[in-house]
Amino acid sequence: METASFTGFIKTLFWIVVFYYAFRLIVRLLLPYAMKKVVEKAATQFQNQQQAYQQQQQTYQNQAQSNQKPRETKKVGEYVDFEEID
């Protein structure tokens, strides 16, 4: 069985610190780029949903207008011209 040495512990601690700071540096550089892409994707999805909603509303309005029957004028009967009799 091997025993842990002090130099091995220091070496492991050193690598943990190096990886921690390297990770922080990478995240600090790449996170703004990733967030920009996420925001752009959300904006395009919102625009697509908005356009689909507007198209749906226009289709609904066109159907509603085409379903309306034109007003019919009331036909009471024939026109009769009366003359006055003295």
N, C-alpha and C. Protein backbone atom coordinates (compact mmCIF):
# COMPACT_ATOMS: atom_id res chain seq x y z
N MET A 1 0.84 -1.17 0.00
CA MET A 1 0.00 0.00 0.00
C MET A 1 0.89 1.24 0.00
N GLU A 2 0.53 2.18 -0.88
CA GLU A 2 1.32 3.39 -0.96
C GLU A 2 0.73 4.45 -0.05
N THR A 3 1.57 5.25 0.47
CA THR A 3 1.11 6.35 1.31
C THR A 3 1.19 7.64 0.51
N ALA A 4 0.34 8.56 0.85
CA ALA A 4 0.31 9.84 0.15
C ALA A 4 1.49 10.68 0.58
N SER A 5 2.09 11.33 -0.40
CA SER A 5 3.23 12.18 -0.08
C SER A 5 2.78 13.64 -0.09
N PHE A 6 3.55 14.43 0.57
CA PHE A 6 3.24 15.85 0.65
C PHE A 6 3.39 16.51 -0.73
N THR A 7 4.38 16.11 -1.50
CA THR A 7 4.59 16.69 -2.82
C THR A 7 3.45 16.30 -3.77
N GLY A 8 2.92 15.09 -3.64
CA GLY A 8 1.78 14.66 -4.45
C GLY A 8 0.54 15.50 -4.12
N PHE A 9 0.36 15.78 -2.83
CA PHE A 9 -0.78 16.61 -2.40
C PHE A 9 -0.66 18.03 -2.96
N ILE A 10 0.54 18.59 -2.91
CA ILE A 10 0.77 19.95 -3.42
C ILE A 10 0.55 19.97 -4.94
N LYS A 11 1.04 18.93 -5.64
CA LYS A 11 0.87 18.86 -7.09
C LYS A 11 -0.61 18.77 -7.45
N THR A 12 -1.37 17.97 -6.74
CA THR A 12 -2.81 17.83 -6.98
C THR A 12 -3.53 19.14 -6.70
N LEU A 13 -3.18 19.79 -5.60
CA LEU A 13 -3.77 21.07 -5.26
C LEU A 13 -3.45 22.12 -6.32
N PHE A 14 -2.22 22.11 -6.83
CA PHE A 14 -1.82 23.05 -7.88
C PHE A 14 -2.68 22.84 -9.14
N TRP A 15 -2.86 21.60 -9.57
CA TRP A 15 -3.65 21.33 -10.78
C TRP A 15 -5.12 21.69 -10.59
N ILE A 16 -5.64 21.47 -9.40
CA ILE A 16 -7.03 21.87 -9.14
C ILE A 16 -7.18 23.38 -9.29
N VAL A 17 -6.25 24.15 -8.76
CA VAL A 17 -6.30 25.61 -8.85
C VAL A 17 -6.13 26.05 -10.30
N VAL A 18 -5.22 25.42 -11.05
CA VAL A 18 -5.01 25.77 -12.46
C VAL A 18 -6.28 25.51 -13.26
N PHE A 19 -6.90 24.35 -13.08
CA PHE A 19 -8.13 24.04 -13.82
C PHE A 19 -9.27 24.97 -13.42
N TYR A 20 -9.33 25.34 -12.14
CA TYR A 20 -10.38 26.25 -11.69
C TYR A 20 -10.25 27.61 -12.39
N TYR A 21 -9.03 28.18 -12.41
CA TYR A 21 -8.85 29.49 -13.03
C TYR A 21 -8.97 29.41 -14.55
N ALA A 22 -8.55 28.31 -15.15
CA ALA A 22 -8.72 28.15 -16.61
C ALA A 22 -10.20 28.07 -16.95
N PHE A 23 -10.97 27.34 -16.15
CA PHE A 23 -12.42 27.24 -16.37
C PHE A 23 -13.08 28.61 -16.24
N ARG A 24 -12.69 29.36 -15.21
CA ARG A 24 -13.25 30.70 -15.03
C ARG A 24 -12.93 31.61 -16.21
N LEU A 25 -11.71 31.52 -16.73
CA LEU A 25 -11.31 32.34 -17.87
C LEU A 25 -12.11 31.96 -19.12
N ILE A 26 -12.25 30.68 -19.37
CA ILE A 26 -12.99 30.21 -20.54
C ILE A 26 -14.46 30.64 -20.44
N VAL A 27 -15.05 30.47 -19.27
CA VAL A 27 -16.45 30.86 -19.08
C VAL A 27 -16.60 32.36 -19.26
N ARG A 28 -15.68 33.12 -18.75
CA ARG A 28 -15.76 34.58 -18.88
C ARG A 28 -15.67 35.03 -20.33
N LEU A 29 -14.91 34.28 -21.14
CA LEU A 29 -14.77 34.65 -22.55
C LEU A 29 -15.93 34.13 -23.40
N LEU A 30 -16.43 32.95 -23.11
CA LEU A 30 -17.44 32.32 -23.96
C LEU A 30 -18.87 32.59 -23.53
N LEU A 31 -19.11 32.92 -22.29
CA LEU A 31 -20.48 33.13 -21.82
C LEU A 31 -21.19 34.28 -22.52
N PRO A 32 -20.56 35.42 -22.74
CA PRO A 32 -21.27 36.49 -23.47
C PRO A 32 -21.66 36.06 -24.89
N TYR A 33 -20.81 35.32 -25.57
CA TYR A 33 -21.12 34.83 -26.91
C TYR A 33 -22.31 33.87 -26.87
N ALA A 34 -22.29 32.95 -25.92
CA ALA A 34 -23.39 31.99 -25.79
C ALA A 34 -24.70 32.70 -25.44
N MET A 35 -24.66 33.66 -24.55
CA MET A 35 -25.87 34.39 -24.18
C MET A 35 -26.41 35.19 -25.36
N LYS A 36 -25.53 35.76 -26.17
CA LYS A 36 -25.96 36.51 -27.35
C LYS A 36 -26.70 35.58 -28.30
N LYS A 37 -26.17 34.38 -28.51
CA LYS A 37 -26.83 33.42 -29.39
C LYS A 37 -28.19 33.01 -28.84
N VAL A 38 -28.30 32.81 -27.55
CA VAL A 38 -29.58 32.43 -26.94
C VAL A 38 -30.61 33.53 -27.11
N VAL A 39 -30.21 34.77 -26.90
CA VAL A 39 -31.13 35.91 -27.04
C VAL A 39 -31.57 36.06 -28.50
N GLU A 40 -30.65 35.90 -29.44
CA GLU A 40 -31.01 36.00 -30.87
C GLU A 40 -32.01 34.90 -31.25
N LYS A 41 -31.78 33.69 -30.76
CA LYS A 41 -32.68 32.58 -31.07
C LYS A 41 -34.07 32.84 -30.49
N ALA A 42 -34.12 33.35 -29.26
CA ALA A 42 -35.41 33.65 -28.64
C ALA A 42 -36.13 34.76 -29.41
N ALA A 43 -35.39 35.75 -29.89
CA ALA A 43 -36.00 36.84 -30.65
C ALA A 43 -36.57 36.34 -31.97
N THR A 44 -35.86 35.47 -32.66
CA THR A 44 -36.38 34.95 -33.92
C THR A 44 -37.61 34.07 -33.69
N GLN A 45 -37.60 33.29 -32.62
CA GLN A 45 -38.77 32.48 -32.31
C GLN A 45 -39.98 33.37 -32.01
N PHE A 46 -39.75 34.45 -31.28
CA PHE A 46 -40.83 35.37 -30.96
C PHE A 46 -41.38 36.02 -32.23
N GLN A 47 -40.50 36.41 -33.13
CA GLN A 47 -40.95 37.03 -34.38
C GLN A 47 -41.74 36.03 -35.21
N ASN A 48 -41.29 34.78 -35.26
CA ASN A 48 -42.01 33.76 -36.01
C ASN A 48 -43.40 33.52 -35.42
N GLN A 49 -43.49 33.47 -34.11
CA GLN A 49 -44.79 33.29 -33.46
C GLN A 49 -45.70 34.48 -33.73
N GLN A 50 -45.14 35.68 -33.70
CA GLN A 50 -45.93 36.89 -33.94
C GLN A 50 -46.46 36.90 -35.37
N GLN A 51 -45.62 36.53 -36.34
CA GLN A 51 -46.06 36.49 -37.73
C GLN A 51 -47.14 35.43 -37.92
N ALA A 52 -46.97 34.27 -37.31
CA ALA A 52 -47.97 33.21 -37.43
C ALA A 52 -49.29 33.66 -36.82
N TYR A 53 -49.23 34.36 -35.70
CA TYR A 53 -50.45 34.86 -35.06
C TYR A 53 -51.16 35.88 -35.95
N GLN A 54 -50.38 36.79 -36.55
CA GLN A 54 -50.98 37.80 -37.41
C GLN A 54 -51.60 37.16 -38.65
N GLN A 55 -50.93 36.16 -39.21
CA GLN A 55 -51.50 35.47 -40.37
C GLN A 55 -52.79 34.76 -39.99
N GLN A 56 -52.79 34.16 -38.81
CA GLN A 56 -54.00 33.47 -38.34
C GLN A 56 -55.13 34.47 -38.15
N GLN A 57 -54.84 35.63 -37.60
CA GLN A 57 -55.86 36.65 -37.40
C GLN A 57 -56.39 37.15 -38.74
N GLN A 58 -55.51 37.36 -39.70
CA GLN A 58 -55.95 37.82 -41.02
C GLN A 58 -56.82 36.77 -41.68
N THR A 59 -56.45 35.51 -41.56
CA THR A 59 -57.25 34.44 -42.13
C THR A 59 -58.61 34.39 -41.47
N TYR A 60 -58.64 34.55 -40.17
CA TYR A 60 -59.90 34.53 -39.44
C TYR A 60 -60.79 35.70 -39.87
N GLN A 61 -60.19 36.88 -40.02
CA GLN A 61 -60.97 38.05 -40.43
C GLN A 61 -61.50 37.88 -41.85
N ASN A 62 -60.67 37.32 -42.73
CA ASN A 62 -61.13 37.11 -44.11
C ASN A 62 -62.27 36.10 -44.15
N GLN A 63 -62.19 35.06 -43.35
CA GLN A 63 -63.26 34.07 -43.30
C GLN A 63 -64.52 34.68 -42.72
N ALA A 64 -64.37 35.51 -41.71
CA ALA A 64 -65.54 36.15 -41.10
C ALA A 64 -66.21 37.09 -42.11
N GLN A 65 -65.42 37.80 -42.89
CA GLN A 65 -65.99 38.72 -43.88
C GLN A 65 -66.66 37.95 -45.01
N SER A 66 -66.07 36.83 -45.40
CA SER A 66 -66.67 36.08 -46.50
C SER A 66 -67.91 35.32 -46.04
N ASN A 67 -68.01 35.02 -44.76
CA ASN A 67 -69.18 34.31 -44.25
C ASN A 67 -70.38 35.23 -44.04
N GLN A 68 -70.14 36.52 -43.97
CA GLN A 68 -71.24 37.45 -43.77
C GLN A 68 -72.06 37.52 -45.05
N LYS A 69 -73.34 37.42 -44.91
CA LYS A 69 -74.23 37.51 -46.06
C LYS A 69 -74.44 38.98 -46.37
N PRO A 70 -74.46 39.32 -47.63
CA PRO A 70 -74.71 40.73 -47.96
C PRO A 70 -76.13 41.10 -47.56
N ARG A 71 -76.29 42.34 -47.21
CA ARG A 71 -77.62 42.79 -46.77
C ARG A 71 -78.59 42.73 -47.93
N GLU A 72 -79.68 42.15 -47.67
CA GLU A 72 -80.71 42.09 -48.69
C GLU A 72 -81.68 43.25 -48.47
N THR A 73 -82.06 43.87 -49.57
CA THR A 73 -83.04 44.94 -49.44
C THR A 73 -84.41 44.28 -49.33
N LYS A 74 -85.23 44.85 -48.50
CA LYS A 74 -86.56 44.27 -48.29
C LYS A 74 -87.42 44.53 -49.52
N LYS A 75 -87.97 43.50 -50.04
CA LYS A 75 -88.87 43.64 -51.18
C LYS A 75 -90.29 43.56 -50.63
N VAL A 76 -90.92 44.69 -50.62
CA VAL A 76 -92.26 44.78 -50.06
C VAL A 76 -93.30 44.34 -51.08
N GLY A 77 -93.10 44.65 -52.30
CA GLY A 77 -94.06 44.31 -53.34
C GLY A 77 -93.84 45.18 -54.55
N GLU A 78 -94.78 45.14 -55.46
CA GLU A 78 -94.65 45.94 -56.67
C GLU A 78 -95.02 47.38 -56.36
N TYR A 79 -94.48 48.24 -57.16
CA TYR A 79 -94.80 49.65 -57.00
C TYR A 79 -96.10 49.92 -57.75
N VAL A 80 -97.05 50.52 -57.05
CA VAL A 80 -98.34 50.85 -57.67
C VAL A 80 -98.49 52.36 -57.67
N ASP A 81 -98.80 52.89 -58.82
CA ASP A 81 -98.97 54.33 -58.96
C ASP A 81 -100.46 54.64 -58.80
N PHE A 82 -100.80 55.32 -57.77
CA PHE A 82 -102.20 55.67 -57.53
C PHE A 82 -102.51 57.01 -58.15
N GLU A 83 -103.72 57.10 -58.70
CA GLU A 83 -104.19 58.37 -59.22
C GLU A 83 -105.36 58.83 -58.39
N GLU A 84 -105.45 60.11 -58.25
CA GLU A 84 -106.54 60.65 -57.46
C GLU A 84 -107.80 60.75 -58.31
N ILE A 85 -108.89 60.28 -57.79
CA ILE A 85 -110.16 60.35 -58.49
C ILE A 85 -110.99 61.43 -57.84
N ASP A 86 -111.55 62.33 -58.67
CA ASP A 86 -112.38 63.40 -58.10
C ASP A 86 -113.81 62.98 -58.01
